[in-house]
Amino acid sequence: MKYNFSDIIAQFSIQAGSFGIKPFGSGHINDTYRVTTPADGRDYLLQKINNYVFKDVNGLMNNMLYVTNHLKQKVSKAGGDPDKEVLTLIPCNNGLYYCQDEQGSYWRMTTFLHNTKSYDLVTTEKQAYQGGVAFGRFQYLLCDMGADILVQTIPNFLNIEFRLEELNQAIENDAAGKLNTVQTELDFLLSRADSMKDILQWGRAGILPLRITHNDTKFNNILLDEQDNIQCVIDLDTVMPGYVAYDFGDAIRSIISTSAEDEANLGAIQLNIPLFEEFTRGYLSQTISFLSEQELKSLIKGVLLLPYMQAVRFLTDYLNGDTYYKIQFVGHNLQRTLAQMQLLKMLELNKETLTGIIEREWFGSHNSRLTSTQPVYFSGVQTQRL
């Protein structure tokens, strides 16, 4: 689809004049473009918001505004650079932070952060550590902000009860006629259903506090500087109320596996324990001051829950006839399901080891916090190992 970028950009409060524009990034939800503006010498990211996925655009943008304003205040107070370490939303001429074009599409704009990079895969222990620092720090900076101020941008996004209801409906409908081919996979997933509800049930019982969480903690949602130190957490569309174990578990899912999410050779799916250890160390170095003991106990449950939930979602889509996830070949969603199930099996086999690492790093971070007098800081935030 062609867009009238001149009219769209003119709606934002920038001195664009002549501009250049080209597609940017590899996101699957929103369409993103880099805008260069010689008139004011700055670059911007222009995004078309997918209002099929995010139906409450006003609520989404209010969430982003509340969160970025809070982060900027906290980063500035800590001696950091909020313009580099936090996304900056550009207001529109109508006073809002989003606009509509003549076709009814929604758009937003942020400043472009130069001299940064992101990675789809974690390849070094330093990257894993910095990832833990990034998402841990994100939660820390928002821990004093009430979660009830934010709306659910995607209702039930990480609600495992809802995802299991979707699976059961797919079983009942058997829309693609595939039910009789996946009984082994269903038995595996449904046998674990009750134990996978613990985080949700602990939250409802008030054992776990509802906090502001990112809810999409893939490693490529972190921008690093040229030395691979953290600079900024991005992709804030799914920032909403949640439990810290969701963020921890989703990050681990993308970091710990030695293979791709849809690996066909299940024997190749192993765990990179050193990367898990470094991410955990970085994460707890930032969250030690506010996490409760029960939240600490919930982290390993998040590690098991997120690949389980993804397997449930892939198998649901497979039974429904591949209507949600894009596939590259027939059976792709089943292959994804099997890969996530294998990852879960490996995590279950190593649960005791992983739990021990979490507990050790928790006490290590606690002791470092008590005894360290000269921590190393990057732009106002402790980022190096003590």
Protein backbone atom coordinates (compact mmCIF):
# COMPACT_ATOMS: atom_id res chain seq x y z
CA MET A 1 0.00 0.00 0.00
CA LYS A 2 1.24 3.48 -0.86
CA TYR A 3 1.12 6.19 1.78
CA ASN A 4 1.19 9.98 1.48
CA PHE A 5 4.24 10.41 3.69
CA SER A 6 4.39 14.16 3.15
CA ASP A 7 0.96 14.62 4.69
CA ILE A 8 1.65 12.13 7.47
CA ILE A 9 4.97 13.67 8.50
CA ALA A 10 3.48 17.16 8.32
CA GLN A 11 1.17 16.17 11.18
CA PHE A 12 4.11 15.81 13.58
CA SER A 13 5.75 18.72 15.39
CA ILE A 14 9.09 18.62 13.61
CA GLN A 15 10.77 20.89 11.08
CA ALA A 16 10.90 18.33 8.33
CA GLY A 17 11.09 20.38 5.16
CA SER A 18 12.49 18.01 2.57
CA PHE A 19 12.99 14.53 3.93
CA GLY A 20 14.17 11.06 3.02
CA ILE A 21 12.31 7.91 4.02
CA LYS A 22 12.98 4.18 3.73
CA PRO A 23 11.76 0.99 5.44
CA PHE A 24 13.62 0.12 8.63
CA GLY A 25 13.99 -3.02 10.75
CA SER A 26 12.39 -6.45 10.59
CA GLY A 27 9.35 -6.11 12.86
CA HIS A 28 6.37 -8.33 12.15
CA ILE A 29 3.60 -6.19 13.69
CA ASN A 30 4.11 -2.51 12.87
CA ASP A 31 5.49 -1.01 9.64
CA THR A 32 8.54 1.10 10.45
CA TYR A 33 10.36 3.73 8.39
CA ARG A 34 13.47 5.79 9.03
CA VAL A 35 12.96 9.46 8.25
CA THR A 36 15.93 11.75 7.62
CA THR A 37 15.37 15.49 7.84
CA PRO A 38 18.23 17.71 6.62
CA ALA A 39 16.33 20.80 7.78
CA ASP A 40 16.76 20.05 11.47
CA GLY A 41 19.58 17.51 11.17
CA ARG A 42 17.76 14.78 13.05
CA ASP A 43 16.48 11.33 12.13
CA TYR A 44 13.22 9.80 13.26
CA LEU A 45 11.39 6.49 13.21
CA LEU A 46 7.89 6.65 11.79
CA GLN A 47 5.66 3.69 12.60
CA LYS A 48 2.29 2.62 11.29
CA ILE A 49 0.51 1.10 14.29
CA ASN A 50 -1.15 -2.21 13.60
CA ASN A 51 -4.61 -1.46 14.97
CA TYR A 52 -5.79 -4.98 14.14
CA VAL A 53 -3.45 -6.27 16.85
CA PHE A 54 -3.65 -3.14 19.04
CA LYS A 55 -7.30 -2.19 18.91
CA ASP A 56 -7.12 0.55 21.58
CA VAL A 57 -4.61 2.89 19.94
CA ASN A 58 -5.34 5.72 22.36
CA GLY A 59 -4.78 3.42 25.34
CA LEU A 60 -1.60 2.04 23.76
CA MET A 61 -0.13 5.48 23.21
CA ASN A 62 -1.14 6.67 26.69
CA ASN A 63 0.72 3.65 28.09
CA MET A 64 3.82 4.56 26.11
CA LEU A 65 3.63 8.19 27.18
CA TYR A 66 3.18 7.37 30.88
CA VAL A 67 6.03 4.88 30.83
CA THR A 68 8.54 6.92 28.82
CA ASN A 69 7.88 10.04 30.91
CA HIS A 70 8.44 8.05 34.10
CA LEU A 71 11.59 6.42 32.75
CA LYS A 72 13.02 9.75 31.63
CA GLN A 73 12.48 11.26 35.06
CA LYS A 74 14.14 8.32 36.80
CA VAL A 75 17.09 8.15 34.37
CA SER A 76 17.67 11.90 34.66
CA LYS A 77 17.58 11.72 38.46
CA ALA A 78 20.14 8.88 38.37
CA GLY A 79 22.51 11.03 36.30
CA GLY A 80 21.87 9.31 32.99
CA ASP A 81 20.92 10.68 29.59
CA PRO A 82 17.17 10.23 29.09
CA ASP A 83 17.33 11.20 25.43
CA LYS A 84 19.66 8.27 24.75
CA GLU A 85 18.36 5.72 27.25
CA VAL A 86 14.61 6.12 26.74
CA LEU A 87 12.48 6.34 23.61
CA THR A 88 11.30 9.88 22.87
CA LEU A 89 7.80 10.25 21.42
CA ILE A 90 7.21 13.17 19.03
CA PRO A 91 3.93 15.02 19.57
CA CYS A 92 1.54 15.79 16.74
CA ASN A 93 0.12 19.17 15.90
CA ASN A 94 -3.21 18.04 17.37
CA GLY A 95 -1.64 17.66 20.83
CA LEU A 96 -1.74 13.85 20.74
CA TYR A 97 1.17 11.50 20.17
CA TYR A 98 -0.41 9.72 17.22
CA CYS A 99 -2.33 10.74 14.13
CA GLN A 100 -4.41 9.22 11.35
CA ASP A 101 -3.82 9.48 7.63
CA GLU A 102 -6.48 9.90 4.97
CA GLN A 103 -6.92 6.11 4.82
CA GLY A 104 -7.59 5.87 8.56
CA SER A 105 -4.24 4.29 9.44
CA TYR A 106 -2.60 5.28 12.74
CA TRP A 107 0.96 6.62 12.95
CA ARG A 108 3.47 7.59 15.64
CA MET A 109 7.01 8.94 15.60
CA THR A 110 10.06 8.66 17.86
CA THR A 111 13.56 10.07 17.63
CA PHE A 112 16.13 7.79 16.01
CA LEU A 113 18.92 6.61 18.32
CA HIS A 114 22.24 6.77 16.48
CA ASN A 115 25.25 4.52 17.09
CA THR A 116 23.17 1.68 18.49
CA LYS A 117 22.66 -1.92 17.42
CA SER A 118 20.51 -4.90 18.23
CA TYR A 119 20.97 -8.65 17.90
CA ASP A 120 18.46 -11.34 17.04
CA LEU A 121 20.65 -13.98 18.72
CA VAL A 122 22.78 -13.80 21.85
CA THR A 123 26.28 -15.06 21.09
CA THR A 124 28.41 -13.86 24.02
CA GLU A 125 28.18 -13.93 27.79
CA LYS A 126 28.59 -10.15 27.88
CA GLN A 127 25.53 -9.73 25.66
CA ALA A 128 23.52 -12.05 27.92
CA TYR A 129 24.62 -10.12 31.01
CA GLN A 130 23.73 -6.79 29.43
CA GLY A 131 20.34 -8.19 28.41
CA GLY A 132 19.67 -9.12 32.03
CA VAL A 133 20.72 -5.66 33.17
CA ALA A 134 18.50 -4.03 30.54
CA PHE A 135 15.27 -5.81 31.40
CA GLY A 136 16.02 -5.84 35.13
CA ARG A 137 16.70 -2.14 35.10
CA PHE A 138 13.52 -1.55 33.09
CA GLN A 139 11.48 -3.25 35.81
CA TYR A 140 13.40 -1.45 38.57
CA LEU A 141 12.80 2.01 37.11
CA LEU A 142 9.07 1.28 36.86
CA CYS A 143 8.60 -0.56 40.16
CA ASP A 144 7.33 2.58 41.91
CA MET A 145 4.74 3.29 39.19
CA GLY A 146 1.28 1.85 39.80
CA ALA A 147 0.38 -0.83 37.28
CA ASP A 148 -3.29 0.14 37.35
CA ILE A 149 -2.56 3.31 35.38
CA LEU A 150 -1.93 1.22 32.24
CA VAL A 151 -4.42 -0.56 30.01
CA GLN A 152 -4.04 -4.09 28.63
CA THR A 153 -2.91 -3.40 25.07
CA ILE A 154 -3.50 -7.07 24.16
CA PRO A 155 -5.95 -8.56 26.66
CA ASN A 156 -4.94 -12.01 27.99
CA PHE A 157 -1.67 -11.88 26.06
CA LEU A 158 0.23 -13.99 28.61
CA ASN A 159 -2.78 -15.53 30.35
CA ILE A 160 -2.14 -19.28 30.17
CA GLU A 161 -5.72 -20.12 31.14
CA PHE A 162 -6.92 -18.16 28.13
CA ARG A 163 -4.37 -19.84 25.85
CA LEU A 164 -5.45 -23.28 27.08
CA GLU A 165 -9.09 -22.35 26.47
CA GLU A 166 -8.10 -21.47 22.90
CA LEU A 167 -6.40 -24.86 22.55
CA ASN A 168 -9.42 -26.70 23.89
CA GLN A 169 -11.65 -24.83 21.46
CA ALA A 170 -9.32 -25.77 18.61
CA ILE A 171 -9.51 -29.41 19.72
CA GLU A 172 -13.29 -29.26 19.77
CA ASN A 173 -13.54 -27.62 16.36
CA ASP A 174 -10.75 -29.57 14.63
CA ALA A 175 -11.13 -27.07 11.80
CA ALA A 176 -8.21 -28.42 9.74
CA GLY A 177 -8.91 -32.10 10.43
CA LYS A 178 -5.51 -32.63 12.08
CA LEU A 179 -6.55 -33.66 15.58
CA ASN A 180 -5.86 -37.37 15.16
CA THR A 181 -2.23 -36.65 14.19
CA VAL A 182 -1.19 -34.73 17.33
CA GLN A 183 -2.42 -36.83 20.25
CA THR A 184 1.09 -37.31 21.64
CA GLU A 185 1.70 -33.55 21.63
CA LEU A 186 -1.67 -32.88 23.24
CA ASP A 187 -1.02 -35.43 25.98
CA PHE A 188 2.33 -33.79 26.72
CA LEU A 189 0.88 -30.28 26.93
CA LEU A 190 -2.36 -31.04 28.74
CA SER A 191 -0.59 -33.14 31.38
CA ARG A 192 1.28 -30.00 32.47
CA ALA A 193 -1.66 -27.58 32.28
CA ASP A 194 -2.38 -27.32 36.02
CA SER A 195 1.23 -26.69 37.07
CA MET A 196 1.57 -23.97 34.45
CA LYS A 197 -1.15 -21.90 36.12
CA ASP A 198 0.85 -21.27 39.30
CA ILE A 199 2.02 -17.74 38.45
CA LEU A 200 -1.48 -16.65 37.51
CA GLN A 201 -2.98 -18.20 40.64
CA TRP A 202 -0.29 -16.74 42.90
CA GLY A 203 -1.05 -13.34 41.43
CA ARG A 204 -4.77 -13.67 42.02
CA ALA A 205 -4.10 -14.71 45.61
CA GLY A 206 -1.99 -11.59 46.18
CA ILE A 207 1.19 -13.62 46.64
CA LEU A 208 2.76 -11.97 43.58
CA PRO A 209 2.37 -8.22 43.03
CA LEU A 210 1.11 -6.97 39.68
CA ARG A 211 3.85 -4.78 38.22
CA ILE A 212 4.54 -2.96 34.97
CA THR A 213 6.29 -5.43 32.68
CA HIS A 214 7.53 -5.38 29.10
CA ASN A 215 5.91 -8.67 28.02
CA ASP A 216 8.02 -9.12 24.87
CA THR A 217 11.56 -9.50 26.15
CA LYS A 218 13.24 -10.85 23.04
CA PHE A 219 16.87 -9.84 22.92
CA ASN A 220 16.34 -7.74 19.78
CA ASN A 221 14.14 -5.43 21.85
CA ILE A 222 17.30 -4.01 23.42
CA LEU A 223 19.53 -1.42 21.80
CA LEU A 224 23.21 -1.64 22.73
CA ASP A 225 25.96 0.87 22.15
CA GLU A 226 29.07 0.24 20.07
CA GLN A 227 30.75 -1.56 23.01
CA ASP A 228 27.75 -3.88 23.52
CA ASN A 229 26.62 -2.09 26.68
CA ILE A 230 22.92 -1.48 27.17
CA GLN A 231 21.46 1.80 26.05
CA CYS A 232 17.70 1.51 25.59
CA VAL A 233 14.81 -0.95 25.84
CA ILE A 234 12.51 -0.60 22.84
CA ASP A 235 9.24 -1.97 21.41
CA LEU A 236 6.98 -0.76 24.21
CA ASP A 237 3.68 -1.77 22.60
CA THR A 238 3.12 -4.63 25.05
CA VAL A 239 4.17 -2.78 28.20
CA MET A 240 1.26 -3.36 30.56
CA PRO A 241 0.44 -4.89 33.95
CA GLY A 242 2.01 -8.32 34.46
CA TYR A 243 4.26 -10.46 36.64
CA VAL A 244 8.06 -10.24 36.62
CA ALA A 245 8.37 -13.96 35.88
CA TYR A 246 6.79 -13.39 32.47
CA ASP A 247 9.59 -11.04 31.40
CA PHE A 248 12.30 -13.22 32.90
CA GLY A 249 10.91 -16.40 31.34
CA ASP A 250 10.41 -14.92 27.88
CA ALA A 251 13.93 -13.51 27.83
CA ILE A 252 15.38 -16.87 28.88
CA ARG A 253 13.36 -18.64 26.18
CA SER A 254 15.10 -16.55 23.51
CA ILE A 255 18.57 -16.75 25.11
CA ILE A 256 19.10 -20.21 26.55
CA SER A 257 18.29 -22.43 23.55
CA THR A 258 21.17 -23.36 21.28
CA SER A 259 18.79 -23.62 18.30
CA ALA A 260 16.12 -21.65 16.48
CA GLU A 261 12.51 -21.48 17.62
CA ASP A 262 11.50 -23.85 14.79
CA GLU A 263 14.51 -26.21 14.87
CA ALA A 264 13.65 -29.42 12.99
CA ASN A 265 16.47 -31.49 14.52
CA LEU A 266 15.20 -31.87 18.07
CA GLY A 267 18.47 -33.41 19.19
CA ALA A 268 20.20 -30.12 18.41
CA ILE A 269 18.10 -28.26 20.99
CA GLN A 270 20.32 -27.93 24.05
CA LEU A 271 20.71 -25.38 26.82
CA ASN A 272 23.43 -22.75 26.98
CA ILE A 273 23.76 -22.65 30.76
CA PRO A 274 26.51 -19.96 30.83
CA LEU A 275 24.23 -17.54 28.98
CA PHE A 276 21.43 -18.28 31.46
CA GLU A 277 23.82 -17.63 34.33
CA GLU A 278 25.01 -14.30 32.93
CA PHE A 279 21.51 -13.06 32.12
CA THR A 280 20.34 -14.01 35.60
CA ARG A 281 23.30 -12.24 37.19
CA GLY A 282 22.61 -9.07 35.22
CA TYR A 283 18.87 -9.21 35.88
CA LEU A 284 19.19 -9.70 39.63
CA SER A 285 21.85 -6.99 39.92
CA GLN A 286 19.09 -4.52 39.05
CA THR A 287 16.06 -6.08 40.74
CA ILE A 288 17.53 -7.16 44.08
CA SER A 289 16.22 -4.03 45.81
CA PHE A 290 12.53 -4.63 45.12
CA LEU A 291 11.82 -8.27 44.24
CA SER A 292 10.06 -10.25 46.94
CA GLU A 293 11.17 -13.74 47.90
CA GLN A 294 8.02 -15.16 46.30
CA GLU A 295 8.79 -13.32 43.06
CA LEU A 296 12.25 -14.89 43.15
CA LYS A 297 10.64 -18.32 43.47
CA SER A 298 8.37 -17.53 40.54
CA LEU A 299 11.26 -16.89 38.12
CA ILE A 300 11.93 -20.58 37.42
CA LYS A 301 8.21 -21.07 36.84
CA GLY A 302 8.37 -18.32 34.23
CA VAL A 303 11.30 -20.10 32.58
CA LEU A 304 9.12 -23.21 32.16
CA LEU A 305 5.88 -21.38 31.38
CA LEU A 306 6.93 -19.29 28.38
CA PRO A 307 8.11 -22.10 26.06
CA TYR A 308 5.10 -24.12 27.20
CA MET A 309 2.75 -21.26 26.35
CA GLN A 310 4.39 -20.80 22.96
CA ALA A 311 4.00 -24.51 22.22
CA VAL A 312 0.31 -24.26 23.15
CA ARG A 313 -0.13 -21.30 20.81
CA PHE A 314 1.70 -22.96 17.91
CA LEU A 315 -0.31 -26.17 18.26
CA THR A 316 -3.56 -24.21 18.53
CA ASP A 317 -2.77 -22.45 15.27
CA TYR A 318 -1.82 -25.74 13.64
CA LEU A 319 -5.19 -27.25 14.59
CA ASN A 320 -6.99 -24.12 13.37
CA GLY A 321 -5.37 -24.36 9.93
CA ASP A 322 -2.45 -21.91 10.38
CA THR A 323 -4.56 -18.77 10.58
CA TYR A 324 -2.41 -16.65 12.93
CA TYR A 325 1.31 -17.29 12.50
CA LYS A 326 2.96 -16.95 9.12
CA ILE A 327 4.32 -20.30 7.92
CA GLN A 328 7.02 -21.15 5.38
CA PHE A 329 5.85 -24.70 4.68
CA VAL A 330 3.11 -27.19 5.49
CA GLY A 331 3.53 -28.38 9.07
CA HIS A 332 5.63 -25.40 10.14
CA ASN A 333 3.50 -24.72 13.22
CA LEU A 334 3.77 -28.37 14.26
CA GLN A 335 7.54 -28.19 13.86
CA ARG A 336 7.56 -25.07 16.03
CA THR A 337 5.43 -26.88 18.61
CA LEU A 338 7.84 -29.81 18.75
CA ALA A 339 10.84 -27.50 19.11
CA GLN A 340 9.28 -25.62 22.03
CA MET A 341 8.25 -28.89 23.66
CA GLN A 342 11.82 -30.16 23.36
CA LEU A 343 13.13 -26.94 24.89
CA LEU A 344 10.69 -27.39 27.76
CA LYS A 345 11.86 -30.99 28.27
CA MET A 346 15.47 -29.79 28.50
CA LEU A 347 14.49 -27.07 30.97
CA GLU A 348 12.61 -29.57 33.09
CA LEU A 349 15.61 -31.91 33.14
CA ASN A 350 17.84 -29.04 34.28
CA LYS A 351 15.34 -27.32 36.58
CA GLU A 352 17.35 -28.02 39.73
CA THR A 353 20.53 -26.58 38.19
CA LEU A 354 18.75 -23.48 36.92
CA THR A 355 17.01 -22.92 40.25
CA GLY A 356 20.36 -23.19 42.00
CA ILE A 357 21.84 -20.53 39.71
CA ILE A 358 18.94 -18.16 40.41
CA GLU A 359 19.32 -18.62 44.17
CA ARG A 360 23.11 -18.26 44.05
CA GLU A 361 22.94 -15.09 41.97
CA TRP A 362 20.22 -13.70 44.23
CA PHE A 363 22.43 -14.03 47.30
CA GLY A 364 25.46 -12.86 45.32
CA SER A 365 23.65 -9.72 44.20
CA HIS A 366 22.43 -9.14 47.74
CA ASN A 367 25.93 -9.43 49.20
CA SER A 368 27.43 -7.22 46.47
CA ARG A 369 24.81 -4.58 47.15
CA LEU A 370 25.71 -4.59 50.85
CA THR A 371 29.51 -4.57 50.49
CA SER A 372 30.30 -2.71 47.27
CA THR A 373 31.33 0.91 47.70
CA GLN A 374 32.43 1.72 44.14
CA PRO A 375 30.20 0.11 41.51
CA VAL A 376 30.96 0.73 37.85
CA TYR A 377 28.31 2.77 36.04
CA PHE A 378 27.31 3.23 32.42
CA SER A 379 25.39 6.45 31.82
CA GLY A 380 24.22 6.59 35.43
CA VAL A 381 23.24 2.92 35.82
CA GLN A 382 25.31 0.07 37.18
CA THR A 383 25.97 -2.29 34.26
CA GLN A 384 29.23 -4.10 34.95
CA ARG A 385 29.78 -7.12 37.15
CA LEU A 386 30.84 -6.21 40.67
